Amino acid sequence: MELKEAIKSRRSIRKFKPVEVPRSLIEEILEEARWSPSWGNTQPWEFYVITGQPLAELKRLNSEKSLSGGLPAPDVPMPEKWPEAMKGRYGELGRVVLDTLGIPREDKEARNRYYLGMSGLFDAPCLLVACIPRDLQMEYAMLDIGLIVQTVCLLAHDRGLGSCIMAAAVVYPDLLRSIADIPDDRRVVVGVVLGYPDDSYPLNHFERPRAKKEDFTRWVD
């Protein structure tokens, strides 16, 4: 797959087939992703790869905690306010998701079922948990995490895998620490689920709008 095609056709997958991803394929992706750029070549990232029974247990605990009203406590705070343009895009995505699934906005039960699917990581067979040292200045390390996560997703797409970068995967870091033995001196940043896309699922096909380049580009001649 050519680079341009990979960039434009990669998308967030929201339902996966019940098929395991071979460990050798995950290792191959991580082997190539290590060439991602980072601040001063510091390479601050650390990945925990969770599959099989440990992942099944994490999904179960995530769902239980979500159903019981457990409050999210991520290591990296989630944004609560957005500039109007970004708020509009975020709201539009929510509308498209519900419309694609045929869920009326007033159908709270159906919406909750969808959100519960997020707790179950969209049935993905593999979760990569990206971490950085807790005592590291976070801003540039977070940039580096973004760079390697994008690389992982493109490499996975090139091999016929789907991915989804999920803050929802790390909202209960205490559960991740208990399942994956992640030490307290590591800050849990974000999760990336991997697997084979379920092509019959509508949310794996809806049109994804993007801002025009003129909306985010300023030329200084």
Protein backbone atom coordinates (compact mmCIF):
# COMPACT_ATOMS: atom_id res chain seq x y z
CA MET A 1 0.00 0.00 0.00
CA GLU A 2 1.36 3.43 -0.95
CA LEU A 3 1.81 5.96 1.83
CA LYS A 4 -0.80 8.43 0.52
CA GLU A 5 -3.40 5.68 0.21
CA ALA A 6 -2.64 4.43 3.73
CA ILE A 7 -3.01 7.90 5.24
CA LYS A 8 -6.32 8.62 3.50
CA SER A 9 -7.93 5.20 3.93
CA ARG A 10 -6.92 4.48 7.53
CA ARG A 11 -9.87 4.97 9.85
CA SER A 12 -10.99 4.26 13.40
CA ILE A 13 -12.50 0.76 13.54
CA ARG A 14 -15.39 0.35 15.97
CA LYS A 15 -16.06 -3.38 15.65
CA PHE A 16 -13.63 -6.24 15.13
CA LYS A 17 -13.94 -9.85 14.04
CA PRO A 18 -13.42 -12.51 16.75
CA VAL A 19 -10.06 -13.45 15.24
CA GLU A 20 -6.78 -13.27 17.13
CA VAL A 21 -3.90 -11.25 15.70
CA PRO A 22 -0.72 -13.36 15.49
CA ARG A 23 1.90 -12.25 18.00
CA SER A 24 4.50 -12.29 15.23
CA LEU A 25 2.49 -9.68 13.31
CA ILE A 26 2.23 -7.38 16.35
CA GLU A 27 5.96 -7.75 16.95
CA GLU A 28 6.64 -6.92 13.30
CA ILE A 29 4.56 -3.72 13.56
CA LEU A 30 6.33 -2.62 16.75
CA GLU A 31 9.73 -3.46 15.25
CA GLU A 32 9.06 -1.05 12.39
CA ALA A 33 7.29 1.57 14.52
CA ARG A 34 10.40 2.06 16.65
CA TRP A 35 11.79 4.21 13.82
CA SER A 36 9.24 6.91 14.64
CA PRO A 37 10.74 10.35 15.40
CA SER A 38 10.95 11.71 18.93
CA TRP A 39 12.29 14.76 20.77
CA GLY A 40 16.08 14.53 20.67
CA ASN A 41 15.74 10.81 19.87
CA THR A 42 14.68 10.25 23.49
CA GLN A 43 12.10 7.59 22.49
CA PRO A 44 10.13 7.96 25.75
CA TRP A 45 7.43 5.44 24.84
CA GLU A 46 6.71 2.11 26.45
CA PHE A 47 4.00 -0.29 25.28
CA TYR A 48 2.14 -2.98 27.17
CA VAL A 49 0.53 -5.50 24.79
CA ILE A 50 -2.57 -7.13 26.26
CA THR A 51 -4.29 -10.06 24.55
CA GLY A 52 -6.07 -13.32 25.38
CA GLN A 53 -7.45 -13.96 28.84
CA PRO A 54 -5.90 -10.85 30.46
CA LEU A 55 -7.67 -8.70 27.85
CA ALA A 56 -10.96 -10.52 28.37
CA GLU A 57 -10.67 -9.86 32.10
CA LEU A 58 -9.89 -6.19 31.50
CA LYS A 59 -12.97 -5.83 29.28
CA ARG A 60 -15.12 -7.45 31.96
CA LEU A 61 -13.80 -5.19 34.71
CA ASN A 62 -14.08 -2.10 32.50
CA SER A 63 -17.71 -2.87 31.75
CA GLU A 64 -18.53 -3.60 35.38
CA LYS A 65 -16.96 -0.36 36.54
CA SER A 66 -18.72 1.62 33.83
CA LEU A 67 -22.12 0.07 34.64
CA SER A 68 -21.66 0.75 38.34
CA GLY A 69 -21.03 4.44 37.65
CA GLY A 70 -17.29 4.37 38.30
CA LEU A 71 -15.82 7.81 37.68
CA PRO A 72 -13.02 7.99 35.10
CA ALA A 73 -9.63 8.81 36.61
CA PRO A 74 -7.16 8.81 33.68
CA ASP A 75 -3.50 9.62 34.21
CA VAL A 76 -3.79 12.21 31.43
CA PRO A 77 -6.77 14.55 32.00
CA MET A 78 -9.28 14.64 29.18
CA PRO A 79 -10.27 18.00 27.69
CA GLU A 80 -13.51 19.44 29.03
CA LYS A 81 -13.79 22.58 26.89
CA TRP A 82 -13.23 23.11 23.18
CA PRO A 83 -13.07 26.16 20.91
CA GLU A 84 -16.32 26.49 18.98
CA ALA A 85 -15.03 25.05 15.69
CA MET A 86 -13.63 21.94 17.41
CA LYS A 87 -16.74 21.59 19.58
CA GLY A 88 -18.81 21.61 16.42
CA ARG A 89 -16.75 18.85 14.80
CA TYR A 90 -16.91 16.75 17.96
CA GLY A 91 -20.67 17.15 18.18
CA GLU A 92 -21.10 16.35 14.51
CA LEU A 93 -19.15 13.10 14.92
CA GLY A 94 -21.48 12.08 17.74
CA ARG A 95 -24.50 12.84 15.56
CA VAL A 96 -23.12 10.84 12.62
CA VAL A 97 -22.34 7.85 14.86
CA LEU A 98 -25.88 7.75 16.26
CA ASP A 99 -27.49 8.32 12.85
CA THR A 100 -25.39 5.58 11.25
CA LEU A 101 -26.51 3.14 13.93
CA GLY A 102 -30.11 4.32 13.64
CA ILE A 103 -30.19 5.48 17.27
CA PRO A 104 -32.49 8.43 18.02
CA ARG A 105 -30.83 10.96 20.31
CA GLU A 106 -33.58 10.49 22.87
CA ASP A 107 -33.00 6.70 23.05
CA LYS A 108 -30.77 6.72 26.10
CA GLU A 109 -30.75 2.94 26.48
CA ALA A 110 -29.41 2.39 22.95
CA ARG A 111 -26.79 5.09 23.42
CA ASN A 112 -25.65 3.44 26.65
CA ARG A 113 -25.31 0.10 24.85
CA TYR A 114 -22.99 1.75 22.35
CA TYR A 115 -20.92 3.35 25.12
CA LEU A 116 -20.73 -0.03 26.85
CA GLY A 117 -19.21 -1.36 23.64
CA MET A 118 -16.45 1.18 24.10
CA SER A 119 -15.77 -0.29 27.56
CA GLY A 120 -15.46 -3.64 25.81
CA LEU A 121 -12.96 -2.08 23.38
CA PHE A 122 -15.19 -2.83 20.38
CA ASP A 123 -14.40 -6.56 20.78
CA ALA A 124 -10.79 -6.00 19.68
CA PRO A 125 -8.45 -8.96 20.32
CA CYS A 126 -5.42 -6.81 21.13
CA LEU A 127 -4.81 -3.66 23.17
CA LEU A 128 -1.58 -1.67 23.15
CA VAL A 129 -1.24 0.61 26.16
CA ALA A 130 1.17 3.50 25.56
CA CYS A 131 2.99 4.82 28.64
CA ILE A 132 5.67 7.34 29.50
CA PRO A 133 7.75 7.81 32.68
CA ARG A 134 5.66 9.71 35.23
CA ASP A 135 8.50 12.10 36.16
CA LEU A 136 9.03 13.16 32.52
CA GLN A 137 7.91 16.59 31.32
CA MET A 138 4.67 15.55 29.72
CA GLU A 139 4.12 17.92 26.78
CA TYR A 140 6.86 16.77 24.40
CA ALA A 141 6.59 13.15 25.49
CA MET A 142 2.90 13.27 24.59
CA LEU A 143 3.85 14.58 21.14
CA ASP A 144 6.22 11.62 20.76
CA ILE A 145 3.45 9.21 21.78
CA GLY A 146 1.23 10.70 19.08
CA LEU A 147 3.95 10.15 16.49
CA ILE A 148 4.54 6.49 17.27
CA VAL A 149 0.83 5.72 17.71
CA GLN A 150 0.09 7.11 14.23
CA THR A 151 2.93 5.02 12.86
CA VAL A 152 1.55 1.88 14.53
CA CYS A 153 -1.90 2.53 13.07
CA LEU A 154 -0.56 3.04 9.54
CA LEU A 155 1.61 -0.07 9.73
CA ALA A 156 -1.36 -2.09 11.00
CA HIS A 157 -3.56 -0.76 8.17
CA ASP A 158 -0.91 -1.71 5.64
CA ARG A 159 -1.17 -5.32 6.88
CA GLY A 160 -4.94 -5.53 6.70
CA LEU A 161 -5.55 -4.79 10.36
CA GLY A 162 -7.83 -2.14 11.78
CA SER A 163 -7.09 0.10 14.74
CA CYS A 164 -8.71 2.64 17.00
CA ILE A 165 -6.93 5.10 19.26
CA MET A 166 -9.00 5.08 22.45
CA ALA A 167 -8.91 7.33 25.47
CA ALA A 168 -11.80 5.16 26.71
CA ALA A 169 -9.34 2.27 27.00
CA VAL A 170 -7.34 4.02 29.73
CA VAL A 171 -9.94 5.85 31.83
CA TYR A 172 -9.46 3.31 34.64
CA PRO A 173 -5.66 3.05 34.90
CA ASP A 174 -5.95 1.16 38.19
CA LEU A 175 -7.49 -1.74 36.30
CA LEU A 176 -4.75 -1.64 33.68
CA ARG A 177 -2.08 -1.65 36.39
CA SER A 178 -3.62 -4.70 38.04
CA ILE A 179 -3.99 -6.63 34.76
CA ALA A 180 -0.75 -5.66 33.01
CA ASP A 181 1.47 -5.00 36.04
CA ILE A 182 2.13 -1.41 34.93
CA PRO A 183 4.17 0.28 37.68
CA ASP A 184 3.05 3.48 39.37
CA ASP A 185 6.03 5.38 37.98
CA ARG A 186 4.59 5.02 34.48
CA ARG A 187 1.92 7.40 33.23
CA VAL A 188 -0.74 5.62 31.17
CA VAL A 189 -1.34 7.83 28.12
CA VAL A 190 -3.63 6.14 25.61
CA GLY A 191 -4.75 2.78 24.27
CA VAL A 192 -4.67 1.47 20.71
CA VAL A 193 -6.84 -1.51 19.85
CA LEU A 194 -5.88 -3.76 16.95
CA GLY A 195 -7.71 -6.48 15.07
CA TYR A 196 -9.38 -7.50 11.83
CA PRO A 197 -12.22 -5.11 10.93
CA ASP A 198 -15.79 -6.39 10.80
CA ASP A 199 -16.69 -5.06 7.36
CA SER A 200 -20.41 -5.64 7.93
CA TYR A 201 -20.57 -3.07 10.74
CA PRO A 202 -21.93 0.32 9.60
CA LEU A 203 -19.60 2.42 11.78
CA ASN A 204 -16.62 0.98 9.93
CA HIS A 205 -17.80 2.68 6.72
CA PHE A 206 -19.36 6.10 7.38
CA GLU A 207 -17.94 9.13 5.61
CA ARG A 208 -15.30 10.98 7.64
CA PRO A 209 -15.26 14.75 7.02
CA ARG A 210 -12.05 16.73 7.32
CA ALA A 211 -11.44 20.45 7.47
CA LYS A 212 -10.11 22.07 4.32
CA LYS A 213 -6.42 22.87 4.35
CA GLU A 214 -7.34 26.56 4.15
CA ASP A 215 -9.01 26.22 7.55
CA PHE A 216 -5.77 25.33 9.31
CA THR A 217 -3.02 26.77 7.13
CA ARG A 218 -1.58 30.29 7.33
CA TRP A 219 0.97 31.31 4.67
CA VAL A 220 3.65 33.86 5.50
CA ASP A 221 5.30 34.90 2.21
